[in-house]
């Protein structure tokens, strides 16, 4: 669902609409987040990531989206933006709740203990 909504935003921007208030996100922070995600993807491709680490990584990414409040802070002159941004916030919150449950389940199964040994 996230991907489809983000593609909608890209289409809006490609039509010439303006996305404002994004200047508060510095390039260094963005690059660090991209590298974090890229490293997790490399580990996944190599089979070097535990179920706990995979879910915890996804949780960190989702939380950073929420904590950064990108969708609440940014605005656009496109009427679709408000609808899409609101949905993305809702979906992110649902993902976080689901991932938190999954982390708890994995801890209960002992996956964290296996990872730490």
Protein backbone atom coordinates (compact mmCIF):
# COMPACT_ATOMS: atom_id res chain seq x y z
CA UNK A 1 0.00 0.00 0.00
CA UNK A 2 2.85 2.37 0.78
CA UNK A 3 4.39 1.86 -2.65
CA UNK A 4 1.17 2.58 -4.52
CA UNK A 5 0.56 5.75 -2.53
CA UNK A 6 4.12 6.94 -2.99
CA UNK A 7 3.79 6.37 -6.75
CA UNK A 8 0.69 8.56 -6.64
CA UNK A 9 2.74 11.32 -5.03
CA UNK A 10 5.44 10.95 -7.67
CA UNK A 11 2.82 11.29 -10.41
CA UNK A 12 1.49 14.44 -8.73
CA UNK A 13 4.97 15.96 -8.59
CA UNK A 14 5.68 14.99 -12.20
CA UNK A 15 2.60 16.97 -13.25
CA UNK A 16 4.34 20.06 -11.90
CA UNK A 17 2.78 20.37 -8.47
CA UNK A 18 4.95 21.77 -5.71
CA UNK A 19 5.98 19.88 -2.60
CA UNK A 20 7.03 22.34 0.09
CA UNK A 21 8.56 22.30 3.58
CA UNK A 22 10.94 19.44 2.81
CA UNK A 23 14.01 21.59 3.44
CA UNK A 24 14.13 20.64 7.11
CA UNK A 25 15.46 17.20 6.15
CA UNK A 26 19.22 17.43 5.77
CA UNK A 27 21.03 15.37 3.14
CA UNK A 28 23.32 13.68 5.68
CA UNK A 29 20.37 12.24 7.63
CA UNK A 30 18.68 11.08 4.46
CA UNK A 31 21.87 9.40 3.22
CA UNK A 32 22.35 7.64 6.58
CA UNK A 33 18.83 6.25 6.38
CA UNK A 34 19.37 5.10 2.78
CA UNK A 35 22.61 3.36 3.79
CA UNK A 36 20.88 1.68 6.72
CA UNK A 37 18.19 0.29 4.42
CA UNK A 38 20.74 -0.70 1.75
CA UNK A 39 22.85 -2.58 4.32
CA UNK A 40 19.79 -4.45 5.57
CA UNK A 41 18.93 -5.37 1.97
CA UNK A 42 22.49 -6.66 1.39
CA UNK A 43 22.30 -8.81 4.52
CA UNK A 44 18.94 -10.16 3.42
CA UNK A 45 20.23 -11.10 -0.04
CA UNK A 46 23.18 -12.90 1.54
CA UNK A 47 20.96 -14.71 4.03
CA UNK A 48 22.78 -13.05 6.92
CA UNK A 49 19.82 -11.60 8.74
CA UNK A 50 17.79 -13.29 11.45
CA UNK A 51 13.99 -13.05 11.58
CA UNK A 52 14.33 -10.82 14.65
CA UNK A 53 16.81 -8.50 12.94
CA UNK A 54 14.64 -8.32 9.81
CA UNK A 55 11.52 -7.34 11.75
CA UNK A 56 13.44 -4.96 14.01
CA UNK A 57 14.98 -3.27 10.96
CA UNK A 58 11.54 -2.82 9.40
CA UNK A 59 10.29 -1.40 12.70
CA UNK A 60 13.16 1.10 12.83
CA UNK A 61 12.38 2.28 9.30
CA UNK A 62 8.66 2.67 10.02
CA UNK A 63 9.34 4.50 13.29
CA UNK A 64 11.73 6.90 11.57
CA UNK A 65 8.98 7.76 9.08
CA UNK A 66 6.57 8.47 11.91
CA UNK A 67 9.06 10.35 14.09
CA UNK A 68 10.24 12.45 11.16
CA UNK A 69 6.63 13.49 10.55
CA UNK A 70 7.40 13.93 6.86
CA UNK A 71 3.80 13.54 5.75
CA UNK A 72 2.48 15.97 8.38
CA UNK A 73 5.20 18.59 7.87
CA UNK A 74 5.34 18.65 4.09
CA UNK A 75 2.58 20.14 2.00
CA UNK A 76 1.69 20.50 -1.63
CA UNK A 77 -0.52 22.55 -3.87
CA UNK A 78 -1.93 19.25 -5.20
CA UNK A 79 -5.34 18.36 -3.71
CA UNK A 80 -4.42 14.65 -3.78
CA UNK A 81 -1.48 15.21 -1.45
CA UNK A 82 -3.52 15.64 1.74
CA UNK A 83 -5.47 12.43 1.08
CA UNK A 84 -2.37 10.40 0.25
CA UNK A 85 -0.32 11.82 3.14
CA UNK A 86 -3.11 11.06 5.63
CA UNK A 87 -3.33 7.47 4.39
CA UNK A 88 0.43 7.02 4.59
CA UNK A 89 0.44 8.18 8.21
CA UNK A 90 -2.38 5.74 9.03
CA UNK A 91 -0.66 2.83 7.28
CA UNK A 92 2.65 3.60 8.95
CA UNK A 93 1.02 3.54 12.39
CA UNK A 94 -0.64 0.19 11.58
CA UNK A 95 2.66 -1.23 10.35
CA UNK A 96 4.41 -0.13 13.54
CA UNK A 97 1.78 -1.83 15.72
CA UNK A 98 2.02 -5.03 13.67
CA UNK A 99 5.82 -5.05 13.73
CA UNK A 100 5.89 -4.43 17.48
CA UNK A 101 3.65 -7.48 17.94
CA UNK A 102 5.92 -9.52 15.69
CA UNK A 103 9.04 -8.46 17.61
CA UNK A 104 7.33 -9.58 20.82
CA UNK A 105 6.38 -12.89 19.23
CA UNK A 106 9.94 -13.51 18.07
CA UNK A 107 11.30 -12.67 21.51
CA UNK A 108 8.80 -15.12 23.02
CA UNK A 109 10.02 -17.77 20.57
CA UNK A 110 13.58 -17.15 21.68
CA UNK A 111 14.84 -15.67 18.39
CA UNK A 112 16.52 -12.79 20.19
CA UNK A 113 18.35 -15.16 22.53
CA UNK A 114 19.54 -17.20 19.54
CA UNK A 115 20.76 -14.03 17.82
CA UNK A 116 22.69 -12.84 20.86
CA UNK A 117 24.48 -16.17 21.43
